[in-house]
Amino acid sequence: MLASKPRQMVTRSALMEQIWDGSWPSRTLDTHVNTLRRKLGGGEWITTVRGIGFRFVGDGAMKTA
């Protein structure tokens, strides 16, 4: 979902609803995002928009919306 909308912020609630029908604890999402960051080789690929959601940067460089 993040990769399909590069550089666009995706809310936590949208991700939770799309992936788990909103029925899992939000820390589960954080764990999966951290796993993705490790597999991609660093945290710069997926940025956190504190208190709102996440953004997939795509090119590995920090971008602003």
C-alpha atoms as a PDB file:
ATOM      1  CA  MET A   1       0.000   0.000   0.000  1.00  0.00           C
ATOM      2  CA  LEU A   2       2.853   2.385   0.826  1.00  0.00           C
ATOM      3  CA  ALA A   3       4.761   1.577  -2.367  1.00  0.00           C
ATOM      4  CA  SER A   4       1.655   2.134  -4.486  1.00  0.00           C
ATOM      5  CA  LYS A   5       1.524   5.746  -3.221  1.00  0.00           C
ATOM      6  CA  PRO A   6       5.177   6.875  -3.184  1.00  0.00           C
ATOM      7  CA  ARG A   7       5.868  10.087  -1.253  1.00  0.00           C
ATOM      8  CA  GLN A   8       2.240  10.285  -0.102  1.00  0.00           C
ATOM      9  CA  MET A   9       1.439   9.970   3.581  1.00  0.00           C
ATOM     10  CA  VAL A  10      -0.737   6.953   4.418  1.00  0.00           C
ATOM     11  CA  THR A  11      -2.512   7.079   7.766  1.00  0.00           C
ATOM     12  CA  ARG A  12      -2.080   4.385  10.371  1.00  0.00           C
ATOM     13  CA  SER A  13      -5.828   3.784  10.389  1.00  0.00           C
ATOM     14  CA  ALA A  14      -5.917   3.301   6.600  1.00  0.00           C
ATOM     15  CA  LEU A  15      -3.114   0.739   6.797  1.00  0.00           C
ATOM     16  CA  MET A  16      -4.723  -1.064   9.735  1.00  0.00           C
ATOM     17  CA  GLU A  17      -8.077  -1.199   7.981  1.00  0.00           C
ATOM     18  CA  GLN A  18      -6.639  -2.362   4.644  1.00  0.00           C
ATOM     19  CA  ILE A  19      -4.362  -5.039   6.072  1.00  0.00           C
ATOM     20  CA  TRP A  20      -6.101  -6.320   9.210  1.00  0.00           C
ATOM     21  CA  ASP A  21      -9.643  -4.917   8.971  1.00  0.00           C
ATOM     22  CA  GLY A  22      -8.676  -2.615  11.846  1.00  0.00           C
ATOM     23  CA  SER A  23      -8.735  -5.449  14.376  1.00  0.00           C
ATOM     24  CA  TRP A  24      -5.048  -5.672  15.415  1.00  0.00           C
ATOM     25  CA  PRO A  25      -3.169  -3.569  17.994  1.00  0.00           C
ATOM     26  CA  SER A  26      -1.354  -0.633  16.428  1.00  0.00           C
ATOM     27  CA  ARG A  27       2.029  -1.838  17.728  1.00  0.00           C
ATOM     28  CA  THR A  28       1.680  -4.747  15.299  1.00  0.00           C
ATOM     29  CA  LEU A  29       1.828  -2.219  12.460  1.00  0.00           C
ATOM     30  CA  ASP A  30       4.965  -0.632  13.941  1.00  0.00           C
ATOM     31  CA  THR A  31       6.645  -4.025  14.147  1.00  0.00           C
ATOM     32  CA  HIS A  32       5.881  -4.803  10.499  1.00  0.00           C
ATOM     33  CA  VAL A  33       7.056  -1.373   9.317  1.00  0.00           C
ATOM     34  CA  ASN A  34      10.322  -1.816  11.226  1.00  0.00           C
ATOM     35  CA  THR A  35      10.794  -5.241   9.627  1.00  0.00           C
ATOM     36  CA  LEU A  36      10.251  -3.704   6.182  1.00  0.00           C
ATOM     37  CA  ARG A  37      12.804  -0.992   6.959  1.00  0.00           C
ATOM     38  CA  ARG A  38      15.412  -3.608   7.899  1.00  0.00           C
ATOM     39  CA  LYS A  39      14.707  -5.645   4.770  1.00  0.00           C
ATOM     40  CA  LEU A  40      15.029  -2.536   2.591  1.00  0.00           C
ATOM     41  CA  GLY A  41      18.382  -1.776   4.169  1.00  0.00           C
ATOM     42  CA  GLY A  42      17.551   1.301   6.205  1.00  0.00           C
ATOM     43  CA  GLY A  43      14.953   3.565   7.715  1.00  0.00           C
ATOM     44  CA  GLU A  44      15.172   6.198   5.003  1.00  0.00           C
ATOM     45  CA  TRP A  45      12.868   4.231   2.660  1.00  0.00           C
ATOM     46  CA  ILE A  46       9.822   4.488   4.937  1.00  0.00           C
ATOM     47  CA  THR A  47       9.460   7.652   6.971  1.00  0.00           C
ATOM     48  CA  THR A  48       7.188   8.139   9.948  1.00  0.00           C
ATOM     49  CA  VAL A  49       4.783  11.070  10.077  1.00  0.00           C
ATOM     50  CA  ARG A  50       4.555  11.223  13.843  1.00  0.00           C
ATOM     51  CA  GLY A  51       1.065  10.558  15.196  1.00  0.00           C
ATOM     52  CA  ILE A  52      -0.423  10.212  11.706  1.00  0.00           C
ATOM     53  CA  GLY A  53       1.112   7.494   9.561  1.00  0.00           C
ATOM     54  CA  PHE A  54       3.906   6.555   7.181  1.00  0.00           C
ATOM     55  CA  ARG A  55       5.348   7.593   3.832  1.00  0.00           C
ATOM     56  CA  PHE A  56       7.265   5.396   1.359  1.00  0.00           C
ATOM     57  CA  VAL A  57       9.966   7.564  -0.155  1.00  0.00           C
ATOM     58  CA  GLY A  58      10.863   5.078  -2.877  1.00  0.00           C
ATOM     59  CA  ASP A  59      14.280   6.353  -3.901  1.00  0.00           C
ATOM     60  CA  GLY A  60      15.838   5.979  -0.478  1.00  0.00           C
ATOM     61  CA  ALA A  61      16.289   9.726   0.010  1.00  0.00           C
ATOM     62  CA  MET A  62      14.337  11.862   2.443  1.00  0.00           C
ATOM     63  CA  LYS A  63      11.697  13.955   0.655  1.00  0.00           C
ATOM     64  CA  THR A  64       9.117  16.437   1.846  1.00  0.00           C
ATOM     65  CA  ALA A  65       5.473  16.294   0.882  1.00  0.00           C
END
